[in-house]
Amino acid sequence: TEQALINTLAADNAELQALNQKIKDLCNDLDQTTATIK
């Protein structure tokens, strides 16, 4: 049960990290767009 929980948490953490990177990439794109508009 503990191992299954660890595996689930590790998978969830990997997904969170991927989403965080996606948001960072989108923010960088938005910053570049904002700078261009300025």
PDB file of all heavy atoms in Angstrom:
ATOM      1  N   THR A   1       0.834  -1.200   0.000  1.00  0.00           N
ATOM      2  CA  THR A   1       0.000   0.000   0.000  1.00  0.00           C
ATOM      3  C   THR A   1       0.867   1.248   0.000  1.00  0.00           C
ATOM      4  O   THR A   1       0.603   2.199  -0.744  1.00  0.00           O
ATOM      5  CB  THR A   1      -0.945   0.000   1.225  1.00  0.00           C
ATOM      6  OG1 THR A   1      -1.741  -1.192   1.190  1.00  0.00           O
ATOM      7  CG2 THR A   1      -1.846   1.214   1.228  1.00  0.00           C
ATOM      8  N   GLU A   2       1.904   1.236   0.827  1.00  0.00           N
ATOM      9  CA  GLU A   2       2.823   2.386   0.866  1.00  0.00           C
ATOM     10  C   GLU A   2       3.511   2.575  -0.471  1.00  0.00           C
ATOM     11  O   GLU A   2       3.646   3.701  -0.951  1.00  0.00           O
ATOM     12  CB  GLU A   2       3.870   2.188   1.971  1.00  0.00           C
ATOM     13  CG  GLU A   2       3.323   2.339   3.370  1.00  0.00           C
ATOM     14  CD  GLU A   2       4.337   1.978   4.458  1.00  0.00           C
ATOM     15  OE1 GLU A   2       5.358   1.323   4.143  1.00  0.00           O
ATOM     16  OE2 GLU A   2       4.092   2.349   5.614  1.00  0.00           O
ATOM     17  N   GLN A   3       3.943   1.469  -1.096  1.00  0.00           N
ATOM     18  CA  GLN A   3       4.629   1.564  -2.386  1.00  0.00           C
ATOM     19  C   GLN A   3       3.687   2.097  -3.458  1.00  0.00           C
ATOM     20  O   GLN A   3       4.076   2.922  -4.280  1.00  0.00           O
ATOM     21  CB  GLN A   3       5.203   0.208  -2.804  1.00  0.00           C
ATOM     22  CG  GLN A   3       6.109   0.292  -4.016  1.00  0.00           C
ATOM     23  CD  GLN A   3       7.301   1.210  -3.794  1.00  0.00           C
ATOM     24  OE1 GLN A   3       8.026   1.086  -2.819  1.00  0.00           O
ATOM     25  NE2 GLN A   3       7.507   2.167  -4.679  1.00  0.00           N
ATOM     26  N   ALA A   4       2.441   1.645  -3.426  1.00  0.00           N
ATOM     27  CA  ALA A   4       1.450   2.146  -4.395  1.00  0.00           C
ATOM     28  C   ALA A   4       1.226   3.639  -4.194  1.00  0.00           C
ATOM     29  O   ALA A   4       1.125   4.397  -5.163  1.00  0.00           O
ATOM     30  CB  ALA A   4       0.133   1.380  -4.257  1.00  0.00           C
ATOM     31  N   LEU A   5       1.173   4.080  -2.942  1.00  0.00           N
ATOM     32  CA  LEU A   5       1.004   5.502  -2.655  1.00  0.00           C
ATOM     33  C   LEU A   5       2.214   6.300  -3.135  1.00  0.00           C
ATOM     34  O   LEU A   5       2.057   7.356  -3.751  1.00  0.00           O
ATOM     35  CB  LEU A   5       0.794   5.716  -1.152  1.00  0.00           C
ATOM     36  CG  LEU A   5       0.663   7.161  -0.682  1.00  0.00           C
ATOM     37  CD1 LEU A   5      -0.529   7.848  -1.342  1.00  0.00           C
ATOM     38  CD2 LEU A   5       0.528   7.217   0.831  1.00  0.00           C
ATOM     39  N   ILE A   6       3.389   5.778  -2.899  1.00  0.00           N
ATOM     40  CA  ILE A   6       4.613   6.452  -3.352  1.00  0.00           C
ATOM     41  C   ILE A   6       4.606   6.578  -4.881  1.00  0.00           C
ATOM     42  O   ILE A   6       4.911   7.641  -5.430  1.00  0.00           O
ATOM     43  CB  ILE A   6       5.865   5.692  -2.864  1.00  0.00           C
ATOM     44  CG1 ILE A   6       6.025   5.868  -1.356  1.00  0.00           C
ATOM     45  CG2 ILE A   6       7.120   6.155  -3.598  1.00  0.00           C
ATOM     46  CD1 ILE A   6       7.037   4.928  -0.726  1.00  0.00           C
ATOM     47  N   ASN A   7       4.229   5.497  -5.565  1.00  0.00           N
ATOM     48  CA  ASN A   7       4.191   5.521  -7.031  1.00  0.00           C
ATOM     49  C   ASN A   7       3.176   6.536  -7.537  1.00  0.00           C
ATOM     50  O   ASN A   7       3.442   7.272  -8.493  1.00  0.00           O
ATOM     51  CB  ASN A   7       3.866   4.127  -7.577  1.00  0.00           C
ATOM     52  CG  ASN A   7       4.978   3.132  -7.334  1.00  0.00           C
ATOM     53  OD1 ASN A   7       6.106   3.485  -7.024  1.00  0.00           O
ATOM     54  ND2 ASN A   7       4.651   1.859  -7.442  1.00  0.00           N
ATOM     55  N   THR A   8       2.012   6.585  -6.892  1.00  0.00           N
ATOM     56  CA  THR A   8       0.976   7.538  -7.284  1.00  0.00           C
ATOM     57  C   THR A   8       1.443   8.969  -7.065  1.00  0.00           C
ATOM     58  O   THR A   8       1.275   9.839  -7.927  1.00  0.00           O
ATOM     59  CB  THR A   8      -0.325   7.279  -6.496  1.00  0.00           C
ATOM     60  OG1 THR A   8      -0.782   5.957  -6.800  1.00  0.00           O
ATOM     61  CG2 THR A   8      -1.403   8.284  -6.846  1.00  0.00           C
ATOM     62  N   LEU A   9       2.047   9.219  -5.898  1.00  0.00           N
ATOM     63  CA  LEU A   9       2.536  10.570  -5.601  1.00  0.00           C
ATOM     64  C   LEU A   9       3.652  10.978  -6.558  1.00  0.00           C
ATOM     65  O   LEU A   9       3.709  12.136  -6.992  1.00  0.00           O
ATOM     66  CB  LEU A   9       3.018  10.658  -4.150  1.00  0.00           C
ATOM     67  CG  LEU A   9       1.930  10.587  -3.078  1.00  0.00           C
ATOM     68  CD1 LEU A   9       2.555  10.525  -1.688  1.00  0.00           C
ATOM     69  CD2 LEU A   9       0.978  11.760  -3.188  1.00  0.00           C
ATOM     70  N   ALA A  10       4.522  10.050  -6.888  1.00  0.00           N
ATOM     71  CA  ALA A  10       5.604  10.360  -7.829  1.00  0.00           C
ATOM     72  C   ALA A  10       5.042  10.711  -9.200  1.00  0.00           C
ATOM     73  O   ALA A  10       5.503  11.664  -9.842  1.00  0.00           O
ATOM     74  CB  ALA A  10       6.573   9.180  -7.927  1.00  0.00           C
ATOM     75  N   ALA A  11       4.041   9.960  -9.647  1.00  0.00           N
ATOM     76  CA  ALA A  11       3.410  10.253 -10.950  1.00  0.00           C
ATOM     77  C   ALA A  11       2.705  11.601 -10.912  1.00  0.00           C
ATOM     78  O   ALA A  11       2.800  12.390 -11.853  1.00  0.00           O
ATOM     79  CB  ALA A  11       2.435   9.143 -11.324  1.00  0.00           C
ATOM     80  N   ASP A  12       1.985  11.869  -9.814  1.00  0.00           N
ATOM     81  CA  ASP A  12       1.308  13.161  -9.675  1.00  0.00           C
ATOM     82  C   ASP A  12       2.312  14.303  -9.652  1.00  0.00           C
ATOM     83  O   ASP A  12       2.083  15.356 -10.251  1.00  0.00           O
ATOM     84  CB  ASP A  12       0.464  13.201  -8.395  1.00  0.00           C
ATOM     85  CG  ASP A  12      -0.771  12.326  -8.467  1.00  0.00           C
ATOM     86  OD1 ASP A  12      -1.121  11.880  -9.588  1.00  0.00           O
ATOM     87  OD2 ASP A  12      -1.384  12.075  -7.413  1.00  0.00           O
ATOM     88  N   ASN A  13       3.435  14.098  -8.976  1.00  0.00           N
ATOM     89  CA  ASN A  13       4.461  15.135  -8.911  1.00  0.00           C
ATOM     90  C   ASN A  13       5.065  15.401 -10.281  1.00  0.00           C
ATOM     91  O   ASN A  13       5.295  16.553 -10.661  1.00  0.00           O
ATOM     92  CB  ASN A  13       5.552  14.751  -7.913  1.00  0.00           C
ATOM     93  CG  ASN A  13       6.529  15.865  -7.693  1.00  0.00           C
ATOM     94  OD1 ASN A  13       6.149  17.008  -7.490  1.00  0.00           O
ATOM     95  ND2 ASN A  13       7.811  15.547  -7.750  1.00  0.00           N
ATOM     96  N   ALA A  14       5.298  14.347 -11.041  1.00  0.00           N
ATOM     97  CA  ALA A  14       5.833  14.524 -12.403  1.00  0.00           C
ATOM     98  C   ALA A  14       4.846  15.318 -13.262  1.00  0.00           C
ATOM     99  O   ALA A  14       5.254  16.195 -14.031  1.00  0.00           O
ATOM    100  CB  ALA A  14       6.114  13.160 -13.040  1.00  0.00           C
ATOM    101  N   GLU A  15       3.562  15.029 -13.098  1.00  0.00           N
ATOM    102  CA  GLU A  15       2.543  15.766 -13.849  1.00  0.00           C
ATOM    103  C   GLU A  15       2.511  17.234 -13.420  1.00  0.00           C
ATOM    104  O   GLU A  15       2.409  18.134 -14.268  1.00  0.00           O
ATOM    105  CB  GLU A  15       1.166  15.131 -13.629  1.00  0.00           C
ATOM    106  CG  GLU A  15       0.075  15.732 -14.480  1.00  0.00           C
ATOM    107  CD  GLU A  15      -1.261  15.019 -14.308  1.00  0.00           C
ATOM    108  OE1 GLU A  15      -1.289  13.877 -13.835  1.00  0.00           O
ATOM    109  OE2 GLU A  15      -2.281  15.633 -14.667  1.00  0.00           O
ATOM    110  N   LEU A  16       2.624  17.483 -12.128  1.00  0.00           N
ATOM    111  CA  LEU A  16       2.657  18.868 -11.636  1.00  0.00           C
ATOM    112  C   LEU A  16       3.867  19.618 -12.182  1.00  0.00           C
ATOM    113  O   LEU A  16       3.760  20.786 -12.564  1.00  0.00           O
ATOM    114  CB  LEU A  16       2.675  18.889 -10.105  1.00  0.00           C
ATOM    115  CG  LEU A  16       1.368  18.550  -9.403  1.00  0.00           C
ATOM    116  CD1 LEU A  16       1.599  18.429  -7.897  1.00  0.00           C
ATOM    117  CD2 LEU A  16       0.313  19.596  -9.686  1.00  0.00           C
ATOM    118  N   GLN A  17       5.005  18.962 -12.208  1.00  0.00           N
ATOM    119  CA  GLN A  17       6.210  19.603 -12.738  1.00  0.00           C
ATOM    120  C   GLN A  17       6.046  19.928 -14.216  1.00  0.00           C
ATOM    121  O   GLN A  17       6.466  20.996 -14.675  1.00  0.00           O
ATOM    122  CB  GLN A  17       7.431  18.710 -12.500  1.00  0.00           C
ATOM    123  CG  GLN A  17       7.850  18.652 -11.043  1.00  0.00           C
ATOM    124  CD  GLN A  17       9.015  17.696 -10.811  1.00  0.00           C
ATOM    125  OE1 GLN A  17       9.393  16.922 -11.690  1.00  0.00           O
ATOM    126  NE2 GLN A  17       9.578  17.748  -9.620  1.00  0.00           N
ATOM    127  N   ALA A  18       5.443  19.017 -14.965  1.00  0.00           N
ATOM    128  CA  ALA A  18       5.220  19.262 -16.395  1.00  0.00           C
ATOM    129  C   ALA A  18       4.259  20.431 -16.599  1.00  0.00           C
ATOM    130  O   ALA A  18       4.491  21.291 -17.463  1.00  0.00           O
ATOM    131  CB  ALA A  18       4.675  17.996 -17.066  1.00  0.00           C
ATOM    132  N   LEU A  19       3.192  20.475 -15.797  1.00  0.00           N
ATOM    133  CA  LEU A  19       2.250  21.600 -15.901  1.00  0.00           C
ATOM    134  C   LEU A  19       2.914  22.912 -15.500  1.00  0.00           C
ATOM    135  O   LEU A  19       2.676  23.949 -16.127  1.00  0.00           O
ATOM    136  CB  LEU A  19       1.028  21.338 -15.019  1.00  0.00           C
ATOM    137  CG  LEU A  19       0.075  20.258 -15.516  1.00  0.00           C
ATOM    138  CD1 LEU A  19      -0.967  19.933 -14.454  1.00  0.00           C
ATOM    139  CD2 LEU A  19      -0.597  20.671 -16.812  1.00  0.00           C
ATOM    140  N   ASN A  20       3.740  22.871 -14.479  1.00  0.00           N
ATOM    141  CA  ASN A  20       4.457  24.073 -14.060  1.00  0.00           C
ATOM    142  C   ASN A  20       5.355  24.580 -15.178  1.00  0.00           C
ATOM    143  O   ASN A  20       5.402  25.788 -15.452  1.00  0.00           O
ATOM    144  CB  ASN A  20       5.272  23.783 -12.797  1.00  0.00           C
ATOM    145  CG  ASN A  20       5.963  25.016 -12.271  1.00  0.00           C
ATOM    146  OD1 ASN A  20       5.330  26.039 -12.040  1.00  0.00           O
ATOM    147  ND2 ASN A  20       7.272  24.924 -12.073  1.00  0.00           N
ATOM    148  N   GLN A  21       6.067  23.672 -15.845  1.00  0.00           N
ATOM    149  CA  GLN A  21       6.932  24.072 -16.950  1.00  0.00           C
ATOM    150  C   GLN A  21       6.119  24.652 -18.095  1.00  0.00           C
ATOM    151  O   GLN A  21       6.512  25.645 -18.704  1.00  0.00           O
ATOM    152  CB  GLN A  21       7.766  22.876 -17.441  1.00  0.00           C
ATOM    153  CG  GLN A  21       8.796  23.255 -18.479  1.00  0.00           C
ATOM    154  CD  GLN A  21       9.800  24.285 -17.955  1.00  0.00           C
ATOM    155  OE1 GLN A  21      10.378  24.109 -16.890  1.00  0.00           O
ATOM    156  NE2 GLN A  21       9.998  25.361 -18.693  1.00  0.00           N
ATOM    157  N   LYS A  22       4.956  24.052 -18.360  1.00  0.00           N
ATOM    158  CA  LYS A  22       4.088  24.547 -19.434  1.00  0.00           C
ATOM    159  C   LYS A  22       3.625  25.969 -19.112  1.00  0.00           C
ATOM    160  O   LYS A  22       3.635  26.846 -19.992  1.00  0.00           O
ATOM    161  CB  LYS A  22       2.885  23.620 -19.596  1.00  0.00           C
ATOM    162  CG  LYS A  22       1.971  23.973 -20.735  1.00  0.00           C
ATOM    163  CD  LYS A  22       0.855  22.936 -20.883  1.00  0.00           C
ATOM    164  CE  LYS A  22      -0.038  23.253 -22.053  1.00  0.00           C
ATOM    165  NZ  LYS A  22      -1.095  22.238 -22.222  1.00  0.00           N
ATOM    166  N   ILE A  23       3.253  26.207 -17.869  1.00  0.00           N
ATOM    167  CA  ILE A  23       2.822  27.550 -17.455  1.00  0.00           C
ATOM    168  C   ILE A  23       3.972  28.540 -17.562  1.00  0.00           C
ATOM    169  O   ILE A  23       3.796  29.665 -18.034  1.00  0.00           O
ATOM    170  CB  ILE A  23       2.234  27.514 -16.032  1.00  0.00           C
ATOM    171  CG1 ILE A  23       0.895  26.771 -16.048  1.00  0.00           C
ATOM    172  CG2 ILE A  23       2.069  28.913 -15.460  1.00  0.00           C
ATOM    173  CD1 ILE A  23       0.348  26.442 -14.671  1.00  0.00           C
ATOM    174  N   LYS A  24       5.174  28.115 -17.140  1.00  0.00           N
ATOM    175  CA  LYS A  24       6.341  28.998 -17.259  1.00  0.00           C
ATOM    176  C   LYS A  24       6.610  29.350 -18.717  1.00  0.00           C
ATOM    177  O   LYS A  24       6.888  30.508 -19.038  1.00  0.00           O
ATOM    178  CB  LYS A  24       7.578  28.328 -16.642  1.00  0.00           C
ATOM    179  CG  LYS A  24       7.580  28.328 -15.129  1.00  0.00           C
ATOM    180  CD  LYS A  24       8.737  27.514 -14.577  1.00  0.00           C
ATOM    181  CE  LYS A  24       9.996  28.329 -14.574  1.00  0.00           C
ATOM    182  NZ  LYS A  24      11.126  27.610 -13.913  1.00  0.00           N
ATOM    183  N   ASP A  25       6.502  28.343 -19.608  1.00  0.00           N
ATOM    184  CA  ASP A  25       6.714  28.588 -21.036  1.00  0.00           C
ATOM    185  C   ASP A  25       5.672  29.561 -21.578  1.00  0.00           C
ATOM    186  O   ASP A  25       5.997  30.469 -22.353  1.00  0.00           O
ATOM    187  CB  ASP A  25       6.674  27.275 -21.823  1.00  0.00           C
ATOM    188  CG  ASP A  25       7.851  26.357 -21.503  1.00  0.00           C
ATOM    189  OD1 ASP A  25       8.841  26.832 -20.898  1.00  0.00           O
ATOM    190  OD2 ASP A  25       7.767  25.159 -21.843  1.00  0.00           O
ATOM    191  N   LEU A  26       4.415  29.382 -21.174  1.00  0.00           N
ATOM    192  CA  LEU A  26       3.360  30.284 -21.625  1.00  0.00           C
ATOM    193  C   LEU A  26       3.592  31.699 -21.097  1.00  0.00           C
ATOM    194  O   LEU A  26       3.359  32.679 -21.811  1.00  0.00           O
ATOM    195  CB  LEU A  26       1.989  29.769 -21.178  1.00  0.00           C
ATOM    196  CG  LEU A  26       1.492  28.501 -21.881  1.00  0.00           C
ATOM    197  CD1 LEU A  26       0.236  27.972 -21.194  1.00  0.00           C
ATOM    198  CD2 LEU A  26       1.233  28.769 -23.357  1.00  0.00           C
ATOM    199  N   CYS A  27       4.060  31.807 -19.854  1.00  0.00           N
ATOM    200  CA  CYS A  27       4.353  33.133 -19.280  1.00  0.00           C
ATOM    201  C   CYS A  27       5.494  33.810 -20.038  1.00  0.00           C
ATOM    202  O   CYS A  27       5.434  35.012 -20.306  1.00  0.00           O
ATOM    203  CB  CYS A  27       4.694  33.016 -17.803  1.00  0.00           C
ATOM    204  SG  CYS A  27       3.266  32.669 -16.753  1.00  0.00           S
ATOM    205  N   ASN A  28       6.514  33.022 -20.393  1.00  0.00           N
ATOM    206  CA  ASN A  28       7.626  33.589 -21.165  1.00  0.00           C
ATOM    207  C   ASN A  28       7.143  34.086 -22.518  1.00  0.00           C
ATOM    208  O   ASN A  28       7.523  35.166 -22.974  1.00  0.00           O
ATOM    209  CB  ASN A  28       8.744  32.557 -21.343  1.00  0.00           C
ATOM    210  CG  ASN A  28       9.512  32.307 -20.070  1.00  0.00           C
ATOM    211  OD1 ASN A  28       9.519  33.140 -19.159  1.00  0.00           O
ATOM    212  ND2 ASN A  28      10.135  31.149 -19.970  1.00  0.00           N
ATOM    213  N   ASP A  29       6.279  33.284 -23.165  1.00  0.00           N
ATOM    214  CA  ASP A  29       5.711  33.708 -24.448  1.00  0.00           C
ATOM    215  C   ASP A  29       4.896  34.986 -24.266  1.00  0.00           C
ATOM    216  O   ASP A  29       4.963  35.899 -25.102  1.00  0.00           O
ATOM    217  CB  ASP A  29       4.817  32.607 -25.039  1.00  0.00           C
ATOM    218  CG  ASP A  29       5.607  31.405 -25.523  1.00  0.00           C
ATOM    219  OD1 ASP A  29       6.845  31.502 -25.645  1.00  0.00           O
ATOM    220  OD2 ASP A  29       4.975  30.348 -25.774  1.00  0.00           O
ATOM    221  N   LEU A  30       4.129  35.059 -23.195  1.00  0.00           N
ATOM    222  CA  LEU A  30       3.309  36.236 -22.927  1.00  0.00           C
ATOM    223  C   LEU A  30       4.198  37.453 -22.644  1.00  0.00           C
ATOM    224  O   LEU A  30       3.912  38.557 -23.120  1.00  0.00           O
ATOM    225  CB  LEU A  30       2.376  35.971 -21.735  1.00  0.00           C
ATOM    226  CG  LEU A  30       1.355  37.049 -21.412  1.00  0.00           C
ATOM    227  CD1 LEU A  30       0.455  37.325 -22.615  1.00  0.00           C
ATOM    228  CD2 LEU A  30       0.518  36.630 -20.211  1.00  0.00           C
ATOM    229  N   ASP A  31       5.289  37.255 -21.894  1.00  0.00           N
ATOM    230  CA  ASP A  31       6.221  38.358 -21.635  1.00  0.00           C
ATOM    231  C   ASP A  31       6.831  38.881 -22.932  1.00  0.00           C
ATOM    232  O   ASP A  31       6.963  40.096 -23.123  1.00  0.00           O
ATOM    233  CB  ASP A  31       7.345  37.906 -20.683  1.00  0.00           C
ATOM    234  CG  ASP A  31       6.880  37.730 -19.248  1.00  0.00           C
ATOM    235  OD1 ASP A  31       5.787  38.225 -18.901  1.00  0.00           O
ATOM    236  OD2 ASP A  31       7.624  37.083 -18.473  1.00  0.00           O
ATOM    237  N   GLN A  32       7.193  37.959 -23.829  1.00  0.00           N
ATOM    238  CA  GLN A  32       7.759  38.372 -25.106  1.00  0.00           C
ATOM    239  C   GLN A  32       6.718  39.126 -25.936  1.00  0.00           C
ATOM    240  O   GLN A  32       7.034  40.149 -26.565  1.00  0.00           O
ATOM    241  CB  GLN A  32       8.269  37.152 -25.878  1.00  0.00           C
ATOM    242  CG  GLN A  32       9.491  36.510 -25.261  1.00  0.00           C
ATOM    243  CD  GLN A  32       9.867  35.190 -25.932  1.00  0.00           C
ATOM    244  OE1 GLN A  32       9.184  34.733 -26.840  1.00  0.00           O
ATOM    245  NE2 GLN A  32      10.951  34.587 -25.465  1.00  0.00           N
ATOM    246  N   THR A  33       5.497  38.654 -25.919  1.00  0.00           N
ATOM    247  CA  THR A  33       4.426  39.333 -26.656  1.00  0.00           C
ATOM    248  C   THR A  33       4.178  40.715 -26.076  1.00  0.00           C
ATOM    249  O   THR A  33       4.022  41.692 -26.820  1.00  0.00           O
ATOM    250  CB  THR A  33       3.133  38.491 -26.602  1.00  0.00           C
ATOM    251  OG1 THR A  33       3.404  37.200 -27.159  1.00  0.00           O
ATOM    252  CG2 THR A  33       2.005  39.155 -27.366  1.00  0.00           C
ATOM    253  N   THR A  34       4.161  40.810 -24.764  1.00  0.00           N
ATOM    254  CA  THR A  34       3.954  42.098 -24.099  1.00  0.00           C
ATOM    255  C   THR A  34       5.083  43.071 -24.444  1.00  0.00           C
ATOM    256  O   THR A  34       4.831  44.257 -24.720  1.00  0.00           O
ATOM    257  CB  THR A  34       3.879  41.901 -22.567  1.00  0.00           C
ATOM    258  OG1 THR A  34       2.817  41.000 -22.268  1.00  0.00           O
ATOM    259  CG2 THR A  34       3.645  43.198 -21.840  1.00  0.00           C
ATOM    260  N   ALA A  35       6.312  42.586 -24.450  1.00  0.00           N
ATOM    261  CA  ALA A  35       7.451  43.448 -24.795  1.00  0.00           C
ATOM    262  C   ALA A  35       7.344  43.926 -26.244  1.00  0.00           C
ATOM    263  O   ALA A  35       7.614  45.098 -26.547  1.00  0.00           O
ATOM    264  CB  ALA A  35       8.756  42.689 -24.578  1.00  0.00           C
ATOM    265  N   THR A  36       6.919  43.043 -27.146  1.00  0.00           N
ATOM    266  CA  THR A  36       6.754  43.419 -28.553  1.00  0.00           C
ATOM    267  C   THR A  36       5.670  44.476 -28.697  1.00  0.00           C
ATOM    268  O   THR A  36       5.846  45.479 -29.414  1.00  0.00           O
ATOM    269  CB  THR A  36       6.409  42.178 -29.399  1.00  0.00           C
ATOM    270  OG1 THR A  36       7.460  41.217 -29.262  1.00  0.00           O
ATOM    271  CG2 THR A  36       6.215  42.532 -30.858  1.00  0.00           C
ATOM    272  N   ILE A  37       4.549  44.275 -28.010  1.00  0.00           N
ATOM    273  CA  ILE A  37       3.449  45.251 -28.072  1.00  0.00           C
ATOM    274  C   ILE A  37       3.915  46.597 -27.510  1.00  0.00           C
ATOM    275  O   ILE A  37       3.593  47.660 -28.069  1.00  0.00           O
ATOM    276  CB  ILE A  37       2.213  44.733 -27.315  1.00  0.00           C
ATOM    277  CG1 ILE A  37       1.609  43.539 -28.067  1.00  0.00           C
ATOM    278  CG2 ILE A  37       1.175  45.826 -27.112  1.00  0.00           C
ATOM    279  CD1 ILE A  37       0.528  42.800 -27.294  1.00  0.00           C
ATOM    280  N   LYS A  38       4.691  46.557 -26.435  1.00  0.00           N
ATOM    281  CA  LYS A  38       5.190  47.804 -25.855  1.00  0.00           C
ATOM    282  C   LYS A  38       6.097  48.529 -26.845  1.00  0.00           C
ATOM    283  O   LYS A  38       5.994  49.756 -27.016  1.00  0.00           O
ATOM    284  CB  LYS A  38       5.950  47.518 -24.557  1.00  0.00           C
ATOM    285  CG  LYS A  38       6.438  48.773 -23.879  1.00  0.00           C
ATOM    286  CD  LYS A  38       7.185  48.473 -22.594  1.00  0.00           C
ATOM    287  CE  LYS A  38       7.680  49.766 -21.996  1.00  0.00           C
ATOM    288  NZ  LYS A  38       8.521  49.551 -20.834  1.00  0.00           N
TER     289      LYS A  38
END
